[in-house]
Amino acid sequence: MQLPAGATTADVAARVMPSVVNVFSERKADRPRATPFLSDPFFDHFFDLPRRPGFRNPNERERSLGSGVIVSSDGVILTNNHVVDRGDEIRVALHDGRELDAKIVGTDPESDVAVLRVDAKNLPAIEVADSSQIRVGDLVLAVGNPFGIGQTVTMGIISATGRANMGITDYEDFIQTDAAINPGNSGGALVDMNGRLIGINTAIVSRSGGYQGVGFAIPSNMALQVKDAILGHGKVMRGWLGVTIQNVTEDLAHSMNLQARRGVLVSDVTPGSPAAKAGIARGDVILSVNGHATNTSAQLRNRIAHAGKAARVTLEVERDRKPRTVEVTLGEIPNGGEGGPAQKVEGGLLGGITVQPLDRAARNRHGIPDSIEGVLVTKTDPSRADIGLREGDVIVEVNRKATTTVDAFRKAAKESDDGVLLLVYRDGATVFMSFNR
């Protein structure tokens, strides 16, 4: 539905604002924070704000502020995963002044999308546009709750589309905008001049900690696909090809005698993977997926992931300067993502702890700097609460031995029969933890 001819920016804002909510997330704090919006790791990452260690206060409650968008009149709300990550109490404030408890239906850290639900009917759901149809230069509005001061509307243009390799999430296809986005805007709406949702505001790049005209939003098409998967299956089941890939540079195209600088180069194939079963080999160049060109690694990863588990896709491949068509039935990304599978330690003093390698999304999600190396704790069995580890901790050492890989951690864990001394990175500080049998 388009706004009537002659409609103003104020008319667009008036149409959108009732569909945007404020999101308040609380959890038990491990240290106090000066301001709630500084709990946003995406802004910590881009502002280069260090996470300061503090003393643990078991009675302290940590609060984070964000925004969300009503996408269904029966109470379904989209926001960012990092807004509600690990929150044990979520509330939303509607435009009409009501405050409601919200339930987390599901989250997808890999795309930074979360789905909430509130117990309410006849809510003002936003109209959603096809984000693939937007163009650079289109006027847009960003609506959210910056710094917790209340609902705010800013205006700008679409500066770029298809932004990837930003180190923000595992799957990136961002809309870039110069509409002002600040802490607290995360999860809010980016809309076109008909008041239709085209993106979920996520992060900014800034050297000063303030707005500098570079903001990013998750395209509405991607956000809705994640939402539908969570509502339908409880999780996102992305497709998996099983290849290591890289962009084709001019030098590579020349050295490998390719027909042109296009497509994505396969540098390795995982044995037993869907790609291996389909006959894809190292040195192949994947030109398209189901007829859609893939000229960057990010494009290929996104197209394969979005196709989903068990999907049958048609790849156009160049090998020895000759085109060929390959049919592949995709698998599901192994547990723990493409950064490496999560593995649970069975038995011993560290039994019941599940860890995985650190990847970029995990670093951003938990505010872990690049200088910290170790394995990420993704789960601790309730029966092992005595250890004191929790999700988001990074185990740097076990008994003075570095654990930069999952294999190194598992080996060290097996050798720890009598006692364990852990060096753990948590919330900006490294601490020693010890326990005995």
Foldseek 3Di string as FASTA:
>chain_A
DFDDPPDDLVNLCVLQQQFKKKKKFKDFDQADDPAQLVLQLQLCVQQVPFFDDHHGDRPDMRMHIAMWGAAAQQFKIKFFCLRHPPGPWMWIAGPVGDIFTKDWLAHDLQLRMTIIGTRGGRGSHAAADDLVPDDFFFKKKQWWQASNPDIDIWIWTFHDWQDDPPLAHNADTKTWIQTFDARRSGNTAIAGSRNHGQWGWHHAHDHNRGRDRTTITHGPVVNVLQVCCCVPPVGQFFFDQAFDKFAFDPVNCVVLVEPDRFAIFTQQGDPPFQNVVQPNGHGKGWQDKQPHGDRGPSSVRVVRGSCGAQHWIWTWIADPRDTDITITGTHTAEDPGPQFHWDAAPDAPRHQWIWAADDSSLCSSLVNDPVQAAIFTQDGPPVNVVQVDGGSKGFQDKPPHGHRHPVSVNVSRVVAHAKIWTFIDHRNDTDIGIDGD
